[in-house]
Amino acid sequence: FMLRRVREFRKTKPIFLLDFWNDGEFVGGCI
């Protein structure tokens, strides 16, 4: 649910959102 919602908000809300676990796709896994 959080994965889906954060990605929806990134397309619609004027705020920069990060999801520490679910955003692994964008940084190649664990940082």
All heavy atoms as atom14 arrays in JSON, in Angstrom:
{
  "sequence": "FMLRRVREFRKTKPIFLLDFWNDGEFVGGCI",
  "atom14_mask": [
    [1, 1, 1, 1, 1, 1, 1, 1, 1, 1, 1, 0, 0, 0],
    [1, 1, 1, 1, 1, 1, 1, 1, 0, 0, 0, 0, 0, 0],
    [1, 1, 1, 1, 1, 1, 1, 1, 0, 0, 0, 0, 0, 0],
    [1, 1, 1, 1, 1, 1, 1, 1, 1, 1, 1, 0, 0, 0],
    [1, 1, 1, 1, 1, 1, 1, 1, 1, 1, 1, 0, 0, 0],
    [1, 1, 1, 1, 1, 1, 1, 0, 0, 0, 0, 0, 0, 0],
    [1, 1, 1, 1, 1, 1, 1, 1, 1, 1, 1, 0, 0, 0],
    [1, 1, 1, 1, 1, 1, 1, 1, 1, 0, 0, 0, 0, 0],
    [1, 1, 1, 1, 1, 1, 1, 1, 1, 1, 1, 0, 0, 0],
    [1, 1, 1, 1, 1, 1, 1, 1, 1, 1, 1, 0, 0, 0],
    [1, 1, 1, 1, 1, 1, 1, 1, 1, 0, 0, 0, 0, 0],
    [1, 1, 1, 1, 1, 1, 1, 0, 0, 0, 0, 0, 0, 0],
    [1, 1, 1, 1, 1, 1, 1, 1, 1, 0, 0, 0, 0, 0],
    [1, 1, 1, 1, 1, 1, 1, 0, 0, 0, 0, 0, 0, 0],
    [1, 1, 1, 1, 1, 1, 1, 1, 0, 0, 0, 0, 0, 0],
    [1, 1, 1, 1, 1, 1, 1, 1, 1, 1, 1, 0, 0, 0],
    [1, 1, 1, 1, 1, 1, 1, 1, 0, 0, 0, 0, 0, 0],
    [1, 1, 1, 1, 1, 1, 1, 1, 0, 0, 0, 0, 0, 0],
    [1, 1, 1, 1, 1, 1, 1, 1, 0, 0, 0, 0, 0, 0],
    [1, 1, 1, 1, 1, 1, 1, 1, 1, 1, 1, 0, 0, 0],
    [1, 1, 1, 1, 1, 1, 1, 1, 1, 1, 1, 1, 1, 1],
    [1, 1, 1, 1, 1, 1, 1, 1, 0, 0, 0, 0, 0, 0],
    [1, 1, 1, 1, 1, 1, 1, 1, 0, 0, 0, 0, 0, 0],
    [1, 1, 1, 1, 0, 0, 0, 0, 0, 0, 0, 0, 0, 0],
    [1, 1, 1, 1, 1, 1, 1, 1, 1, 0, 0, 0, 0, 0],
    [1, 1, 1, 1, 1, 1, 1, 1, 1, 1, 1, 0, 0, 0],
    [1, 1, 1, 1, 1, 1, 1, 0, 0, 0, 0, 0, 0, 0],
    [1, 1, 1, 1, 0, 0, 0, 0, 0, 0, 0, 0, 0, 0],
    [1, 1, 1, 1, 0, 0, 0, 0, 0, 0, 0, 0, 0, 0],
    [1, 1, 1, 1, 1, 1, 0, 0, 0, 0, 0, 0, 0, 0],
    [1, 1, 1, 1, 1, 1, 1, 1, 0, 0, 0, 0, 0, 0]
  ],
  "atom14_positions": [
    [[0.83, -1.2, 0.0], [0.0, 0.0, 0.0], [0.86, 1.25, 0.0], [0.64, 2.19, -0.79], [-0.92, -0.03, 1.22], [-1.61, 1.27, 1.52], [-2.71, 1.68, 0.79], [-1.16, 2.08, 2.56], [-3.35, 2.89, 1.08], [-1.79, 3.28, 2.86], [-2.89, 3.69, 2.12], [0.0, 0.0, 0.0], [0.0, 0.0, 0.0], [0.0, 0.0, 0.0]],
    [[1.89, 1.29, 0.86], [2.77, 2.45, 0.93], [3.57, 2.61, -0.36], [3.79, 3.74, -0.83], [3.7, 2.33, 2.13], [3.01, 2.48, 3.48], [2.15, 4.07, 3.69], [3.5, 5.23, 3.52], [0.0, 0.0, 0.0], [0.0, 0.0, 0.0], [0.0, 0.0, 0.0], [0.0, 0.0, 0.0], [0.0, 0.0, 0.0], [0.0, 0.0, 0.0]],
    [[4.0, 1.51, -0.93], [4.71, 1.56, -2.2], [3.85, 2.25, -3.26], [4.31, 3.17, -3.96], [5.05, 0.13, -2.64], [5.57, -0.06, -4.07], [6.97, 0.5, -4.19], [5.58, -1.54, -4.43], [0.0, 0.0, 0.0], [0.0, 0.0, 0.0], [0.0, 0.0, 0.0], [0.0, 0.0, 0.0], [0.0, 0.0, 0.0], [0.0, 0.0, 0.0]],
    [[2.61, 1.83, -3.36], [1.72, 2.38, -4.37], [1.39, 3.84, -4.09], [1.43, 4.69, -4.99], [0.43, 1.55, -4.4], [-0.56, 2.01, -5.47], [-1.81, 1.15, -5.5], [-2.68, 1.37, -4.35], [-2.79, 0.53, -3.32], [-2.1, -0.6, -3.29], [-3.6, 0.82, -2.3], [0.0, 0.0, 0.0], [0.0, 0.0, 0.0], [0.0, 0.0, 0.0]],
    [[1.1, 4.16, -2.84], [0.66, 5.51, -2.51], [1.76, 6.55, -2.7], [1.52, 7.63, -3.25], [0.14, 5.55, -1.07], [-1.12, 4.75, -0.86], [-2.28, 5.3, -1.68], [-2.9, 6.44, -1.02], [-3.75, 7.26, -1.61], [-4.03, 7.12, -2.88], [-4.31, 8.25, -0.94], [0.0, 0.0, 0.0], [0.0, 0.0, 0.0], [0.0, 0.0, 0.0]],
    [[2.98, 6.23, -2.25], [4.07, 7.2, -2.39], [4.32, 7.49, -3.87], [4.54, 8.64, -4.27], [5.34, 6.68, -1.69], [6.54, 7.55, -2.05], [5.14, 6.68, -0.18], [0.0, 0.0, 0.0], [0.0, 0.0, 0.0], [0.0, 0.0, 0.0], [0.0, 0.0, 0.0], [0.0, 0.0, 0.0], [0.0, 0.0, 0.0], [0.0, 0.0, 0.0]],
    [[4.25, 6.46, -4.7], [4.49, 6.69, -6.12], [3.35, 7.47, -6.77], [3.59, 8.26, -7.69], [4.74, 5.35, -6.81], [6.01, 4.7, -6.27], [6.42, 3.46, -6.99], [7.58, 2.87, -6.31], [8.41, 2.0, -6.86], [8.22, 1.59, -8.1], [9.43, 1.53, -6.16], [0.0, 0.0, 0.0], [0.0, 0.0, 0.0], [0.0, 0.0, 0.0]],
    [[2.15, 7.28, -6.29], [1.03, 8.09, -6.77], [1.24, 9.57, -6.39], [1.03, 10.47, -7.21], [-0.28, 7.59, -6.18], [-0.76, 6.26, -6.74], [-1.99, 5.75, -6.0], [-2.45, 6.44, -5.05], [-2.49, 4.67, -6.35], [0.0, 0.0, 0.0], [0.0, 0.0, 0.0], [0.0, 0.0, 0.0], [0.0, 0.0, 0.0], [0.0, 0.0, 0.0]],
    [[1.63, 9.78, -5.13], [1.8, 11.16, -4.65], [2.91, 11.88, -5.4], [2.85, 13.1, -5.6], [2.1, 11.16, -3.15], [0.96, 10.67, -2.3], [1.21, 10.05, -1.08], [-0.35, 10.82, -2.7], [0.17, 9.59, -0.28], [-1.41, 10.37, -1.91], [-1.14, 9.76, -0.69], [0.0, 0.0, 0.0], [0.0, 0.0, 0.0], [0.0, 0.0, 0.0]],
    [[3.93, 11.15, -5.8], [5.04, 11.78, -6.53], [4.59, 12.36, -7.86], [5.23, 13.24, -8.4], [6.16, 10.77, -6.76], [6.98, 10.48, -5.53], [8.17, 9.62, -5.88], [8.88, 9.25, -4.67], [9.34, 8.04, -4.41], [9.16, 7.06, -5.28], [9.98, 7.78, -3.29], [0.0, 0.0, 0.0], [0.0, 0.0, 0.0], [0.0, 0.0, 0.0]],
    [[3.5, 11.85, -8.38], [2.99, 12.34, -9.66], [1.95, 13.45, -9.49], [1.58, 14.09, -10.48], [2.36, 11.18, -10.44], [3.34, 10.08, -10.8], [2.61, 8.93, -11.51], [3.57, 7.8, -11.85], [2.87, 6.65, -12.5], [0.0, 0.0, 0.0], [0.0, 0.0, 0.0], [0.0, 0.0, 0.0], [0.0, 0.0, 0.0], [0.0, 0.0, 0.0]],
    [[1.51, 13.65, -8.26], [0.39, 14.58, -8.07], [0.6, 15.64, -7.0], [-0.04, 16.7, -7.06], [-0.88, 13.79, -7.69], [-0.63, 13.0, -6.5], [-1.28, 12.84, -8.82], [0.0, 0.0, 0.0], [0.0, 0.0, 0.0], [0.0, 0.0, 0.0], [0.0, 0.0, 0.0], [0.0, 0.0, 0.0], [0.0, 0.0, 0.0], [0.0, 0.0, 0.0]],
    [[1.46, 15.38, -6.02], [1.6, 16.31, -4.89], [2.89, 17.14, -5.0], [3.95, 16.6, -5.32], [1.65, 15.53, -3.57], [0.51, 14.55, -3.35], [-0.79, 15.22, -3.0], [-1.84, 14.19, -2.61], [-3.17, 14.81, -2.4], [0.0, 0.0, 0.0], [0.0, 0.0, 0.0], [0.0, 0.0, 0.0], [0.0, 0.0, 0.0], [0.0, 0.0, 0.0]],
    [[2.84, 18.43, -4.68], [4.03, 19.28, -4.72], [4.88, 19.13, -3.46], [5.02, 20.04, -2.65], [3.44, 20.69, -4.84], [2.13, 20.61, -4.12], [1.61, 19.22, -4.41], [0.0, 0.0, 0.0], [0.0, 0.0, 0.0], [0.0, 0.0, 0.0], [0.0, 0.0, 0.0], [0.0, 0.0, 0.0], [0.0, 0.0, 0.0], [0.0, 0.0, 0.0]],
    [[5.45, 17.93, -3.31], [6.32, 17.62, -2.17], [7.24, 16.5, -2.59], [6.86, 15.63, -3.38], [5.49, 17.24, -0.93], [6.39, 17.07, 0.3], [4.65, 15.98, -1.19], [5.62, 16.92, 1.62], [0.0, 0.0, 0.0], [0.0, 0.0, 0.0], [0.0, 0.0, 0.0], [0.0, 0.0, 0.0], [0.0, 0.0, 0.0], [0.0, 0.0, 0.0]],
    [[8.48, 16.51, -2.09], [9.46, 15.49, -2.42], [9.37, 14.39, -1.37], [9.67, 14.61, -0.2], [10.86, 16.09, -2.44], [11.95, 15.11, -2.76], [11.9, 14.35, -3.92], [13.02, 14.94, -1.89], [12.9, 13.44, -4.22], [14.03, 14.04, -2.19], [13.98, 13.28, -3.35], [0.0, 0.0, 0.0], [0.0, 0.0, 0.0], [0.0, 0.0, 0.0]],
    [[8.92, 13.2, -1.77], [8.71, 12.09, -0.85], [9.72, 10.97, -1.09], [10.04, 10.64, -2.24], [7.29, 11.52, -1.0], [6.14, 12.47, -0.66], [4.8, 11.79, -0.95], [6.22, 12.92, 0.79], [0.0, 0.0, 0.0], [0.0, 0.0, 0.0], [0.0, 0.0, 0.0], [0.0, 0.0, 0.0], [0.0, 0.0, 0.0], [0.0, 0.0, 0.0]],
    [[10.21, 10.38, 0.0], [11.11, 9.23, -0.05], [10.55, 8.12, 0.8], [9.94, 8.37, 1.84], [12.51, 9.59, 0.46], [13.25, 10.75, -0.19], [13.05, 12.03, 0.62], [14.75, 10.45, -0.26], [0.0, 0.0, 0.0], [0.0, 0.0, 0.0], [0.0, 0.0, 0.0], [0.0, 0.0, 0.0], [0.0, 0.0, 0.0], [0.0, 0.0, 0.0]],
    [[10.77, 6.88, 0.37], [10.4, 5.7, 1.15], [11.65, 4.86, 1.29], [12.12, 4.23, 0.33], [9.29, 4.93, 0.44], [8.75, 3.75, 1.25], [9.54, 3.16, 2.02], [7.57, 3.4, 1.1], [0.0, 0.0, 0.0], [0.0, 0.0, 0.0], [0.0, 0.0, 0.0], [0.0, 0.0, 0.0], [0.0, 0.0, 0.0], [0.0, 0.0, 0.0]],
    [[12.22, 4.83, 2.48], [13.57, 4.29, 2.69], [13.72, 2.86, 2.19], [14.77, 2.48, 1.69], [13.94, 4.39, 4.17], [15.4, 4.2, 4.45], [16.32, 5.16, 4.06], [15.87, 3.07, 5.1], [17.67, 4.99, 4.31], [17.22, 2.9, 5.35], [18.12, 3.87, 4.97], [0.0, 0.0, 0.0], [0.0, 0.0, 0.0], [0.0, 0.0, 0.0]],
    [[12.69, 2.03, 2.33], [12.78, 0.64, 1.88], [12.24, 0.46, 0.47], [12.87, -0.15, -0.39], [12.03, -0.29, 2.85], [12.87, -0.66, 4.03], [13.63, -1.78, 4.19], [13.05, 0.12, 5.21], [14.27, -1.75, 5.4], [13.94, -0.59, 6.05], [12.56, 1.35, 5.65], [14.34, -0.13, 7.29], [12.96, 1.82, 6.89], [13.83, 1.09, 7.69]],
    [[11.07, 1.0, 0.19], [10.43, 0.76, -1.1], [11.08, 1.48, -2.27], [10.73, 1.23, -3.42], [8.95, 1.14, -1.02], [8.14, 0.11, -0.24], [8.51, -1.04, -0.12], [7.02, 0.55, 0.33], [0.0, 0.0, 0.0], [0.0, 0.0, 0.0], [0.0, 0.0, 0.0], [0.0, 0.0, 0.0], [0.0, 0.0, 0.0], [0.0, 0.0, 0.0]],
    [[12.03, 2.38, -1.99], [12.7, 3.1, -3.07], [14.01, 2.45, -3.48], [14.81, 3.06, -4.21], [12.95, 4.56, -2.67], [11.7, 5.41, -2.8], [10.74, 4.95, -3.45], [11.68, 6.52, -2.26], [0.0, 0.0, 0.0], [0.0, 0.0, 0.0], [0.0, 0.0, 0.0], [0.0, 0.0, 0.0], [0.0, 0.0, 0.0], [0.0, 0.0, 0.0]],
    [[14.26, 1.22, -3.05], [15.49, 0.54, -3.44], [15.66, 0.44, -4.94], [16.79, 0.42, -5.46], [0.0, 0.0, 0.0], [0.0, 0.0, 0.0], [0.0, 0.0, 0.0], [0.0, 0.0, 0.0], [0.0, 0.0, 0.0], [0.0, 0.0, 0.0], [0.0, 0.0, 0.0], [0.0, 0.0, 0.0], [0.0, 0.0, 0.0], [0.0, 0.0, 0.0]],
    [[14.55, 0.39, -5.65], [14.58, 0.3, -7.12], [15.32, 1.46, -7.75], [15.96, 1.31, -8.8], [13.13, 0.25, -7.62], [12.98, 0.27, -9.12], [11.53, 0.28, -9.55], [10.63, 0.23, -8.68], [11.3, 0.34, -10.78], [0.0, 0.0, 0.0], [0.0, 0.0, 0.0], [0.0, 0.0, 0.0], [0.0, 0.0, 0.0], [0.0, 0.0, 0.0]],
    [[15.26, 2.63, -7.13], [15.82, 3.83, -7.74], [17.28, 4.07, -7.36], [17.93, 4.95, -7.94], [14.98, 5.05, -7.34], [13.52, 4.88, -7.67], [12.57, 4.74, -6.67], [13.11, 4.82, -8.99], [11.23, 4.57, -6.98], [11.77, 4.64, -9.31], [10.82, 4.51, -8.3], [0.0, 0.0, 0.0], [0.0, 0.0, 0.0], [0.0, 0.0, 0.0]],
    [[17.78, 3.31, -6.4], [19.17, 3.5, -5.97], [19.97, 2.2, -6.05], [21.06, 2.1, -5.49], [19.24, 4.08, -4.54], [18.76, 5.52, -4.53], [18.43, 3.23, -3.56], [0.0, 0.0, 0.0], [0.0, 0.0, 0.0], [0.0, 0.0, 0.0], [0.0, 0.0, 0.0], [0.0, 0.0, 0.0], [0.0, 0.0, 0.0], [0.0, 0.0, 0.0]],
    [[19.42, 1.19, -6.74], [20.16, -0.06, -6.92], [20.24, -0.91, -5.68], [21.22, -1.63, -5.48], [0.0, 0.0, 0.0], [0.0, 0.0, 0.0], [0.0, 0.0, 0.0], [0.0, 0.0, 0.0], [0.0, 0.0, 0.0], [0.0, 0.0, 0.0], [0.0, 0.0, 0.0], [0.0, 0.0, 0.0], [0.0, 0.0, 0.0], [0.0, 0.0, 0.0]],
    [[19.22, -0.86, -4.82], [19.21, -1.7, -3.63], [19.64, -0.96, -2.38], [19.48, 0.26, -2.26], [0.0, 0.0, 0.0], [0.0, 0.0, 0.0], [0.0, 0.0, 0.0], [0.0, 0.0, 0.0], [0.0, 0.0, 0.0], [0.0, 0.0, 0.0], [0.0, 0.0, 0.0], [0.0, 0.0, 0.0], [0.0, 0.0, 0.0], [0.0, 0.0, 0.0]],
    [[20.21, -1.68, -1.43], [20.65, -1.11, -0.16], [21.74, -0.06, -0.37], [22.69, -0.28, -1.11], [21.16, -2.24, 0.74], [21.94, -1.69, 2.27], [0.0, 0.0, 0.0], [0.0, 0.0, 0.0], [0.0, 0.0, 0.0], [0.0, 0.0, 0.0], [0.0, 0.0, 0.0], [0.0, 0.0, 0.0], [0.0, 0.0, 0.0], [0.0, 0.0, 0.0]],
    [[21.62, 1.07, 0.33], [22.61, 2.15, 0.19], [23.55, 2.23, 1.38], [24.4, 3.12, 1.44], [21.91, 3.51, 0.02], [21.09, 3.86, 1.28], [21.04, 3.52, -1.23], [20.54, 5.28, 1.27], [0.0, 0.0, 0.0], [0.0, 0.0, 0.0], [0.0, 0.0, 0.0], [0.0, 0.0, 0.0], [0.0, 0.0, 0.0], [0.0, 0.0, 0.0]]
  ]
}
